PDB file of N, CA and C in Angstrom:
ATOM      1  N   MET A   1       0.996  -1.108   0.019  1.00  0.00           N
ATOM      2  CA  MET A   1      -0.308  -0.291  -0.245  1.00  0.00           C
ATOM      3  C   MET A   1       0.864   0.942  -0.340  1.00  0.00           C
ATOM      4  N   VAL A   2       0.960   2.092  -0.872  1.00  0.00           N
ATOM      5  CA  VAL A   2       1.442   3.261  -1.062  1.00  0.00           C
ATOM      6  C   VAL A   2       0.885   4.387  -0.187  1.00  0.00           C
ATOM      7  N   GLU A   3       1.395   5.224   0.468  1.00  0.00           N
ATOM      8  CA  GLU A   3       1.018   6.463   0.933  1.00  0.00           C
ATOM      9  C   GLU A   3       0.400   7.304   0.172  1.00  0.00           C
ATOM     10  N   LYS A   4      -0.103   8.212  -0.148  1.00  0.00           N
ATOM     11  CA  LYS A   4      -0.050   9.816  -0.261  1.00  0.00           C
ATOM     12  C   LYS A   4       1.112  11.107   0.579  1.00  0.00           C
ATOM     13  N   PRO A   5       1.435  11.998  -0.161  1.00  0.00           N
ATOM     14  CA  PRO A   5       2.557  12.485   0.755  1.00  0.00           C
ATOM     15  C   PRO A   5       1.799  13.509   1.125  1.00  0.00           C
ATOM     16  N   GLN A   6       1.469  13.965   2.608  1.00  0.00           N
ATOM     17  CA  GLN A   6       1.260  14.888   3.152  1.00  0.00           C
ATOM     18  C   GLN A   6       1.389  16.195   2.538  1.00  0.00           C
ATOM     19  N   ALA A   7      -0.285  17.116   2.130  1.00  0.00           N
ATOM     20  CA  ALA A   7      -0.469  18.337   1.900  1.00  0.00           C
ATOM     21  C   ALA A   7       0.719  19.177   3.035  1.00  0.00           C
ATOM     22  N   SER A   8       0.974  20.364   2.628  1.00  0.00           N
ATOM     23  CA  SER A   8       1.332  21.061   3.482  1.00  0.00           C
ATOM     24  C   SER A   8       0.059  21.948   4.749  1.00  0.00           C
ATOM     25  N   VAL A   9       1.100  22.043   5.694  1.00  0.00           N
ATOM     26  CA  VAL A   9      -0.218  23.156   6.004  1.00  0.00           C
ATOM     27  C   VAL A   9      -1.172  23.967   5.776  1.00  0.00           C
ATOM     28  N   GLU A  10      -0.226  25.332   4.682  1.00  0.00           N
ATOM     29  CA  GLU A  10      -1.229  26.166   4.256  1.00  0.00           C
ATOM     30  C   GLU A  10      -1.653  26.051   3.093  1.00  0.00           C
ATOM     31  N   ASN A  11      -1.525  24.609   2.280  1.00  0.00           N
ATOM     32  CA  ASN A  11      -2.289  23.904   1.463  1.00  0.00           C
ATOM     33  C   ASN A  11      -3.428  23.599   2.291  1.00  0.00           C
ATOM     34  N   ARG A  12      -3.359  22.963   3.547  1.00  0.00           N
ATOM     35  CA  ARG A  12      -4.456  22.117   4.027  1.00  0.00           C
ATOM     36  C   ARG A  12      -5.917  23.204   4.155  1.00  0.00           C
ATOM     37  N   ILE A  13      -4.733  23.994   5.124  1.00  0.00           N
ATOM     38  CA  ILE A  13      -5.651  25.367   5.110  1.00  0.00           C
ATOM     39  C   ILE A  13      -6.480  26.035   3.835  1.00  0.00           C
ATOM     40  N   SER A  14      -5.472  26.402   2.735  1.00  0.00           N
ATOM     41  CA  SER A  14      -6.101  27.377   1.950  1.00  0.00           C
ATOM     42  C   SER A  14      -7.354  26.780   1.710  1.00  0.00           C
ATOM     43  N   LYS A  15      -7.419  24.770   0.728  1.00  0.00           N
ATOM     44  CA  LYS A  15      -8.520  24.357   0.847  1.00  0.00           C
ATOM     45  C   LYS A  15      -9.480  24.045   1.441  1.00  0.00           C
ATOM     46  N   ALA A  16      -9.626  24.158   3.052  1.00  0.00           N
ATOM     47  CA  ALA A  16     -10.563  23.781   3.997  1.00  0.00           C
ATOM     48  C   ALA A  16     -11.092  25.713   3.836  1.00  0.00           C
ATOM     49  N   LEU A  17     -10.584  26.618   3.206  1.00  0.00           N
ATOM     50  CA  LEU A  17     -10.959  27.696   3.229  1.00  0.00           C
ATOM     51  C   LEU A  17     -11.641  28.139   2.019  1.00  0.00           C
ATOM     52  N   GLU A  18     -11.373  27.698   0.974  1.00  0.00           N
ATOM     53  CA  GLU A  18     -11.283  28.030  -0.351  1.00  0.00           C
ATOM     54  C   GLU A  18     -13.555  27.676  -0.217  1.00  0.00           C
ATOM     55  N   GLY A  19     -14.335  29.021  -0.836  1.00  0.00           N
ATOM     56  CA  GLY A  19     -15.383  28.847  -0.664  1.00  0.00           C
ATOM     57  C   GLY A  19     -16.511  28.918   0.597  1.00  0.00           C
ATOM     58  N   ALA A  20     -15.471  28.638   1.802  1.00  0.00           N
ATOM     59  CA  ALA A  20     -15.954  28.836   3.111  1.00  0.00           C
ATOM     60  C   ALA A  20     -16.694  30.185   2.878  1.00  0.00           C
ATOM     61  N   SER A  21     -16.782  31.356   2.834  1.00  0.00           N
ATOM     62  CA  SER A  21     -16.935  32.939   2.741  1.00  0.00           C
ATOM     63  C   SER A  21     -18.290  32.598   3.777  1.00  0.00           C
ATOM     64  N   ALA A  22     -17.864  33.442   5.424  1.00  0.00           N
ATOM     65  CA  ALA A  22     -18.608  33.168   6.426  1.00  0.00           C
ATOM     66  C   ALA A  22     -19.768  35.032   5.715  1.00  0.00           C
ATOM     67  N   PRO A  23     -20.742  34.468   6.235  1.00  0.00           N
ATOM     68  CA  PRO A  23     -22.192  35.620   5.661  1.00  0.00           C
ATOM     69  C   PRO A  23     -21.552  36.884   6.715  1.00  0.00           C
ATOM     70  N   PRO A  24     -21.711  38.150   6.264  1.00  0.00           N
ATOM     71  CA  PRO A  24     -21.778  39.158   6.897  1.00  0.00           C
ATOM     72  C   PRO A  24     -21.526  39.424   8.394  1.00  0.00           C
ATOM     73  N   ASP A  25     -22.823  38.611   8.801  1.00  0.00           N
ATOM     74  CA  ASP A  25     -23.305  39.473  10.235  1.00  0.00           C
ATOM     75  C   ASP A  25     -22.258  38.174  11.310  1.00  0.00           C
ATOM     76  N   ARG A  26     -21.654  37.044  10.576  1.00  0.00           N
ATOM     77  CA  ARG A  26     -20.946  36.146  11.620  1.00  0.00           C
ATOM     78  C   ARG A  26     -19.453  36.915  11.831  1.00  0.00           C
ATOM     79  N   ALA A  27     -18.932  37.181  10.633  1.00  0.00           N
ATOM     80  CA  ALA A  27     -18.026  37.737   9.938  1.00  0.00           C
ATOM     81  C   ALA A  27     -17.531  39.200  10.922  1.00  0.00           C
ATOM     82  N   LEU A  28     -18.845  39.909  10.939  1.00  0.00           N
ATOM     83  CA  LEU A  28     -18.611  41.095  12.148  1.00  0.00           C
ATOM     84  C   LEU A  28     -18.826  40.850  13.245  1.00  0.00           C
ATOM     85  N   ARG A  29     -19.616  39.612  14.092  1.00  0.00           N
ATOM     86  CA  ARG A  29     -19.231  39.525  15.033  1.00  0.00           C
ATOM     87  C   ARG A  29     -17.531  38.939  15.491  1.00  0.00           C
ATOM     88  N   ASP A  30     -17.318  37.939  14.129  1.00  0.00           N
ATOM     89  CA  ASP A  30     -16.449  36.951  15.211  1.00  0.00           C
ATOM     90  C   ASP A  30     -14.899  38.246  14.733  1.00  0.00           C
ATOM     91  N   PHE A  31     -14.993  39.478  14.058  1.00  0.00           N
ATOM     92  CA  PHE A  31     -14.386  40.926  14.079  1.00  0.00           C
ATOM     93  C   PHE A  31     -14.472  41.380  15.229  1.00  0.00           C
ATOM     94  N   ARG A  32     -15.732  41.436  15.949  1.00  0.00           N
ATOM     95  CA  ARG A  32     -16.140  41.796  17.326  1.00  0.00           C
ATOM     96  C   ARG A  32     -15.174  41.012  18.606  1.00  0.00           C
ATOM     97  N   TYR A  33     -16.065  39.772  18.358  1.00  0.00           N
ATOM     98  CA  TYR A  33     -14.364  39.219  19.209  1.00  0.00           C
ATOM     99  C   TYR A  33     -13.416  39.096  19.124  1.00  0.00           C
ATOM    100  N   VAL A  34     -12.428  39.229  18.220  1.00  0.00           N
ATOM    101  CA  VAL A  34     -11.501  39.758  18.124  1.00  0.00           C
ATOM    102  C   VAL A  34     -10.544  40.707  18.418  1.00  0.00           C
ATOM    103  N   VAL A  35     -11.360  41.957  18.576  1.00  0.00           N
ATOM    104  CA  VAL A  35     -11.246  43.138  18.713  1.00  0.00           C
ATOM    105  C   VAL A  35     -11.074  43.115  19.993  1.00  0.00           C
ATOM    106  N   SER A  36     -12.447  42.804  20.672  1.00  0.00           N
ATOM    107  CA  SER A  36     -12.697  42.527  22.094  1.00  0.00           C
ATOM    108  C   SER A  36     -11.743  41.782  23.459  1.00  0.00           C
ATOM    109  N   SER A  37     -11.288  40.611  22.453  1.00  0.00           N
ATOM    110  CA  SER A  37     -10.090  40.451  23.214  1.00  0.00           C
ATOM    111  C   SER A  37      -8.739  40.471  23.522  1.00  0.00           C
ATOM    112  N   VAL A  38      -8.253  41.775  21.888  1.00  0.00           N
ATOM    113  CA  VAL A  38      -7.329  42.440  22.279  1.00  0.00           C
ATOM    114  C   VAL A  38      -7.517  43.650  22.661  1.00  0.00           C
ATOM    115  N   ASN A  39      -8.972  43.802  23.017  1.00  0.00           N
ATOM    116  CA  ASN A  39      -9.010  45.335  23.838  1.00  0.00           C
ATOM    117  C   ASN A  39      -8.693  44.643  25.817  1.00  0.00           C
ATOM    118  N   ASP A  40      -9.029  43.980  25.567  1.00  0.00           N
ATOM    119  CA  ASP A  40      -9.460  43.032  26.980  1.00  0.00           C
ATOM    120  C   ASP A  40      -7.812  43.441  27.501  1.00  0.00           C
ATOM    121  N   SER A  41      -7.192  42.603  27.170  1.00  0.00           N
ATOM    122  CA  SER A  41      -5.283  42.541  27.088  1.00  0.00           C
ATOM    123  C   SER A  41      -5.418  44.163  27.294  1.00  0.00           C
ATOM    124  N   ALA A  42      -5.415  44.696  25.795  1.00  0.00           N
ATOM    125  CA  ALA A  42      -4.902  46.228  26.422  1.00  0.00           C
ATOM    126  C   ALA A  42      -5.184  46.431  28.258  1.00  0.00           C
ATOM    127  N   LEU A  43      -6.579  46.766  28.354  1.00  0.00           N
ATOM    128  CA  LEU A  43      -7.266  47.113  29.406  1.00  0.00           C
ATOM    129  C   LEU A  43      -6.835  46.399  30.950  1.00  0.00           C
ATOM    130  N   ALA A  44      -6.186  44.992  30.490  1.00  0.00           N
ATOM    131  CA  ALA A  44      -5.471  44.296  31.506  1.00  0.00           C
ATOM    132  C   ALA A  44      -3.892  44.978  31.830  1.00  0.00           C
ATOM    133  N   VAL A  45      -3.470  45.476  30.745  1.00  0.00           N
ATOM    134  CA  VAL A  45      -1.799  46.017  31.106  1.00  0.00           C
ATOM    135  C   VAL A  45      -1.791  46.835  31.151  1.00  0.00           C
ATOM    136  N   TRP A  46      -2.823  48.334  30.722  1.00  0.00           N
ATOM    137  CA  TRP A  46      -3.346  49.775  31.594  1.00  0.00           C
ATOM    138  C   TRP A  46      -3.181  49.529  33.185  1.00  0.00           C
ATOM    139  N   ALA A  47      -3.481  48.514  33.408  1.00  0.00           N
ATOM    140  CA  ALA A  47      -3.842  48.587  34.989  1.00  0.00           C
ATOM    141  C   ALA A  47      -2.827  47.606  35.615  1.00  0.00           C
ATOM    142  N   GLU A  48      -1.788  46.920  35.262  1.00  0.00           N
ATOM    143  CA  GLU A  48      -0.948  46.929  35.851  1.00  0.00           C
ATOM    144  C   GLU A  48      -0.318  48.227  35.813  1.00  0.00           C
ATOM    145  N   LEU A  49      -0.011  49.248  34.848  1.00  0.00           N
ATOM    146  CA  LEU A  49       0.737  50.166  34.071  1.00  0.00           C
ATOM    147  C   LEU A  49       0.564  51.519  35.534  1.00  0.00           C
ATOM    148  N   TRP A  50      -1.330  51.244  35.985  1.00  0.00           N
ATOM    149  CA  TRP A  50      -1.581  51.840  36.603  1.00  0.00           C
ATOM    150  C   TRP A  50      -1.271  51.571  38.083  1.00  0.00           C
ATOM    151  N   ASN A  51      -0.853  50.931  38.401  1.00  0.00           N
ATOM    152  CA  ASN A  51      -1.472  50.213  39.668  1.00  0.00           C
ATOM    153  C   ASN A  51      -0.193  50.135  40.388  1.00  0.00           C
ATOM    154  N   GLU A  52       0.903  50.386  39.121  1.00  0.00           N
ATOM    155  CA  GLU A  52       2.060  50.529  39.958  1.00  0.00           C
ATOM    156  C   GLU A  52       2.484  52.088  39.902  1.00  0.00           C
ATOM    157  N   LEU A  53       1.589  53.282  39.430  1.00  0.00           N
ATOM    158  CA  LEU A  53       1.656  54.359  39.768  1.00  0.00           C
ATOM    159  C   LEU A  53       0.924  55.318  41.455  1.00  0.00           C
ATOM    160  N   GLN A  54       0.053  53.518  41.737  1.00  0.00           N
ATOM    161  CA  GLN A  54      -1.007  54.253  42.684  1.00  0.00           C
ATOM    162  C   GLN A  54      -0.156  54.823  43.802  1.00  0.00           C
ATOM    163  N   GLY A  55       0.557  54.526  44.734  1.00  0.00           N
ATOM    164  CA  GLY A  55       1.290  55.441  45.485  1.00  0.00           C
ATOM    165  C   GLY A  55       1.613  56.484  45.800  1.00  0.00           C
ATOM    166  N   GLY A  56       1.745  56.470  44.370  1.00  0.00           N
ATOM    167  CA  GLY A  56       2.423  58.527  44.197  1.00  0.00           C
ATOM    168  C   GLY A  56       2.219  59.243  43.052  1.00  0.00           C
ATOM    169  N   VAL A  57       0.190  58.651  42.813  1.00  0.00           N
ATOM    170  CA  VAL A  57      -0.068  59.663  41.823  1.00  0.00           C
ATOM    171  C   VAL A  57      -1.773  59.627  43.013  1.00  0.00           C
ATOM    172  N   THR A  58      -2.329  60.748  43.013  1.00  0.00           N
ATOM    173  CA  THR A  58      -3.212  60.635  43.886  1.00  0.00           C
ATOM    174  C   THR A  58      -4.885  60.296  41.967  1.00  0.00           C
ATOM    175  N   PRO A  59      -6.309  60.249  42.912  1.00  0.00           N
ATOM    176  CA  PRO A  59      -7.319  60.148  42.287  1.00  0.00           C
ATOM    177  C   PRO A  59      -7.594  60.381  41.120  1.00  0.00           C
ATOM    178  N   ASN A  60      -6.581  61.940  41.475  1.00  0.00           N
ATOM    179  CA  ASN A  60      -6.636  63.235  40.280  1.00  0.00           C
ATOM    180  C   ASN A  60      -6.058  63.302  39.170  1.00  0.00           C
ATOM    181  N   GLY A  61      -4.920  62.272  39.634  1.00  0.00           N
ATOM    182  CA  GLY A  61      -3.586  61.916  38.565  1.00  0.00           C
ATOM    183  C   GLY A  61      -2.541  63.314  38.939  1.00  0.00           C
ATOM    184  N   MET A  62      -2.720  63.648  40.199  1.00  0.00           N
ATOM    185  CA  MET A  62      -1.647  64.726  40.511  1.00  0.00           C
ATOM    186  C   MET A  62      -0.801  63.293  41.041  1.00  0.00           C
ATOM    187  N   VAL A  63       0.358  64.085  41.494  1.00  0.00           N
ATOM    188  CA  VAL A  63       2.381  63.500  40.895  1.00  0.00           C
ATOM    189  C   VAL A  63       2.474  63.537  43.169  1.00  0.00           C
ATOM    190  N   THR A  64       2.485  63.013  42.867  1.00  0.00           N
ATOM    191  CA  THR A  64       2.709  63.015  45.045  1.00  0.00           C
ATOM    192  C   THR A  64       4.163  63.584  44.962  1.00  0.00           C
ATOM    193  N   PRO A  65       4.709  64.535  46.384  1.00  0.00           N
ATOM    194  CA  PRO A  65       5.971  64.931  46.151  1.00  0.00           C
ATOM    195  C   PRO A  65       7.502  63.527  45.931  1.00  0.00           C
ATOM    196  N   GLY A  66       6.846  62.265  46.871  1.00  0.00           N
ATOM    197  CA  GLY A  66       7.700  61.253  46.331  1.00  0.00           C
ATOM    198  C   GLY A  66       7.895  61.253  45.407  1.00  0.00           C
ATOM    199  N   MET A  67       6.642  60.966  44.832  1.00  0.00           N
ATOM    200  CA  MET A  67       7.050  60.773  43.313  1.00  0.00           C
ATOM    201  C   MET A  67       7.769  61.324  42.883  1.00  0.00           C
ATOM    202  N   ALA A  68       7.612  63.007  42.905  1.00  0.00           N
ATOM    203  CA  ALA A  68       8.195  63.473  41.884  1.00  0.00           C
ATOM    204  C   ALA A  68       9.987  63.141  42.271  1.00  0.00           C
ATOM    205  N   GLU A  69      10.329  62.871  43.373  1.00  0.00           N
ATOM    206  CA  GLU A  69      11.757  62.563  43.574  1.00  0.00           C
ATOM    207  C   GLU A  69      12.482  61.499  42.472  1.00  0.00           C
ATOM    208  N   GLY A  70      11.303  61.065  42.047  1.00  0.00           N
ATOM    209  CA  GLY A  70      11.825  59.770  41.321  1.00  0.00           C
ATOM    210  C   GLY A  70      10.961  58.572  41.273  1.00  0.00           C
ATOM    211  N   PHE A  71      10.726  58.119  40.520  1.00  0.00           N
ATOM    212  CA  PHE A  71       9.520  56.459  40.513  1.00  0.00           C
ATOM    213  C   PHE A  71      10.606  55.425  39.674  1.00  0.00           C
ATOM    214  N   LYS A  72      10.465  54.437  41.324  1.00  0.00           N
ATOM    215  CA  LYS A  72      11.249  53.533  41.103  1.00  0.00           C
ATOM    216  C   LYS A  72       9.723  52.379  40.472  1.00  0.00           C
ATOM    217  N   PRO A  73       9.384  51.574  39.588  1.00  0.00           N
ATOM    218  CA  PRO A  73       8.215  50.407  39.587  1.00  0.00           C
ATOM    219  C   PRO A  73       8.809  49.630  40.835  1.00  0.00           C
ATOM    220  N   ALA A  74       7.954  49.204  41.454  1.00  0.00           N
ATOM    221  CA  ALA A  74       8.311  47.229  41.591  1.00  0.00           C
ATOM    222  C   ALA A  74       8.154  46.546  40.458  1.00  0.00           C
ATOM    223  N   CYS A  75       8.420  46.655  40.048  1.00  0.00           N
ATOM    224  CA  CYS A  75       7.943  45.717  39.140  1.00  0.00           C
ATOM    225  C   CYS A  75       9.541  45.092  38.157  1.00  0.00           C
ATOM    226  N   GLY A  76      10.013  46.439  38.516  1.00  0.00           N
ATOM    227  CA  GLY A  76      11.107  46.520  37.775  1.00  0.00           C
ATOM    228  C   GLY A  76      11.386  47.620  36.797  1.00  0.00           C
ATOM    229  N   TRP A  77      12.490  47.914  35.903  1.00  0.00           N
ATOM    230  CA  TRP A  77      12.495  48.674  34.635  1.00  0.00           C
ATOM    231  C   TRP A  77      11.639  48.273  33.667  1.00  0.00           C
ATOM    232  N   ALA A  78      12.866  47.206  33.732  1.00  0.00           N
ATOM    233  CA  ALA A  78      13.197  46.016  32.405  1.00  0.00           C
ATOM    234  C   ALA A  78      11.216  45.646  32.527  1.00  0.00           C
ATOM    235  N   GLU A  79      10.336  45.429  33.804  1.00  0.00           N
ATOM    236  CA  GLU A  79       8.974  44.748  32.871  1.00  0.00           C
ATOM    237  C   GLU A  79       8.388  46.113  33.200  1.00  0.00           C
ATOM    238  N   PHE A  80       8.324  46.851  33.374  1.00  0.00           N
ATOM    239  CA  PHE A  80       8.095  48.418  33.263  1.00  0.00           C
ATOM    240  C   PHE A  80       7.336  48.644  31.990  1.00  0.00           C
ATOM    241  N   LEU A  81       8.281  48.505  31.576  1.00  0.00           N
ATOM    242  CA  LEU A  81       9.056  49.264  29.680  1.00  0.00           C
ATOM    243  C   LEU A  81       8.284  47.905  28.801  1.00  0.00           C
ATOM    244  N   GLU A  82       8.263  47.061  29.619  1.00  0.00           N
ATOM    245  CA  GLU A  82       7.527  45.818  28.170  1.00  0.00           C
ATOM    246  C   GLU A  82       6.254  45.778  28.114  1.00  0.00           C
ATOM    247  N   LYS A  83       5.907  46.569  29.777  1.00  0.00           N
ATOM    248  CA  LYS A  83       4.409  46.416  30.294  1.00  0.00           C
ATOM    249  C   LYS A  83       3.870  47.437  29.474  1.00  0.00           C
ATOM    250  N   LEU A  84       4.432  48.528  29.188  1.00  0.00           N
ATOM    251  CA  LEU A  84       4.659  50.024  28.176  1.00  0.00           C
ATOM    252  C   LEU A  84       4.240  49.269  26.769  1.00  0.00           C
ATOM    253  N   TRP A  85       5.301  48.513  26.138  1.00  0.00           N
ATOM    254  CA  TRP A  85       5.459  48.308  23.845  1.00  0.00           C
ATOM    255  C   TRP A  85       4.425  48.141  24.720  1.00  0.00           C
ATOM    256  N   LEU A  86       3.866  46.471  25.226  1.00  0.00           N
ATOM    257  CA  LEU A  86       2.855  45.429  24.991  1.00  0.00           C
ATOM    258  C   LEU A  86       1.894  46.229  24.997  1.00  0.00           C
ATOM    259  N   LEU A  87       1.398  47.390  25.650  1.00  0.00           N
ATOM    260  CA  LEU A  87       0.447  48.388  25.843  1.00  0.00           C
ATOM    261  C   LEU A  87       0.198  49.161  24.151  1.00  0.00           C
ATOM    262  N   LYS A  88       1.417  49.412  23.782  1.00  0.00           N
ATOM    263  CA  LYS A  88       1.237  49.698  22.217  1.00  0.00           C
ATOM    264  C   LYS A  88       1.476  48.701  21.432  1.00  0.00           C
ATOM    265  N   HIS A  89       1.602  47.861  21.412  1.00  0.00           N
ATOM    266  CA  HIS A  89       1.227  46.951  20.393  1.00  0.00           C
ATOM    267  C   HIS A  89      -0.179  46.378  20.298  1.00  0.00           C
ATOM    268  N   TYR A  90      -0.705  46.115  21.409  1.00  0.00           N
ATOM    269  CA  TYR A  90      -2.506  46.154  21.238  1.00  0.00           C
ATOM    270  C   TYR A  90      -2.960  47.170  20.584  1.00  0.00           C
ATOM    271  N   LEU A  91      -2.991  48.665  21.243  1.00  0.00           N
ATOM    272  CA  LEU A  91      -3.357  49.256  20.373  1.00  0.00           C
ATOM    273  C   LEU A  91      -3.012  49.828  19.017  1.00  0.00           C
ATOM    274  N   ASP A  92      -1.616  49.754  18.865  1.00  0.00           N
ATOM    275  CA  ASP A  92      -1.493  49.376  17.487  1.00  0.00           C
ATOM    276  C   ASP A  92      -2.260  48.379  16.524  1.00  0.00           C
ATOM    277  N   TYR A  93      -2.619  46.715  17.140  1.00  0.00           N
ATOM    278  CA  TYR A  93      -3.286  45.615  16.342  1.00  0.00           C
ATOM    279  C   TYR A  93      -4.536  46.452  16.260  1.00  0.00           C
ATOM    280  N   ILE A  94      -5.677  46.827  17.763  1.00  0.00           N
ATOM    281  CA  ILE A  94      -6.846  47.441  17.243  1.00  0.00           C
ATOM    282  C   ILE A  94      -7.007  48.734  15.995  1.00  0.00           C
ATOM    283  N   HIS A  95      -5.481  49.338  16.331  1.00  0.00           N
ATOM    284  CA  HIS A  95      -6.098  49.914  15.090  1.00  0.00           C
ATOM    285  C   HIS A  95      -5.958  50.030  13.226  1.00  0.00           C
ATOM    286  N   ARG A  96      -4.641  48.822  13.789  1.00  0.00           N
ATOM    287  CA  ARG A  96      -4.736  48.334  12.430  1.00  0.00           C
ATOM    288  C   ARG A  96      -5.494  47.177  11.799  1.00  0.00           C
ATOM    289  N   PHE A  97      -6.293  47.111  12.826  1.00  0.00           N
ATOM    290  CA  PHE A  97      -7.547  45.741  12.097  1.00  0.00           C
ATOM    291  C   PHE A  97      -9.038  46.753  12.354  1.00  0.00           C
ATOM    292  N   CYS A  98      -8.984  47.874  12.709  1.00  0.00           N
ATOM    293  CA  CYS A  98      -9.938  48.656  12.613  1.00  0.00           C
ATOM    294  C   CYS A  98     -10.107  49.227  11.115  1.00  0.00           C
ATOM    295  N   LYS A  99      -8.787  49.753  10.375  1.00  0.00           N
ATOM    296  CA  LYS A  99      -8.731  50.618   9.724  1.00  0.00           C
ATOM    297  C   LYS A  99      -9.161  49.286   8.240  1.00  0.00           C
ATOM    298  N   GLU A 100      -8.888  48.311   8.115  1.00  0.00           N
ATOM    299  CA  GLU A 100      -8.447  47.419   7.040  1.00  0.00           C
ATOM    300  C   GLU A 100      -9.873  47.207   6.656  1.00  0.00           C
TER     301      GLU A 100
END
């Protein structure tokens, strides 16, 4: 018995998607789910960043004198900056996704 070589993943996916166009209402719902998921991730990162600032910023956004002397995130600068970059990435993704 001779076995056929398996098609590449790309070929299998494209064959599965051929002619499988989703109705507009389903496509819109799927779009909303993706955007909502990325937005939830962005909000979670924002909350983590805001929590880092809680001790040195008043609820009105005023910087306390202790914070004015120098801010040092509890998670460390590397992780804090990584979270900022991640937030930018999520927002950029949402922006590009909604523009297309």
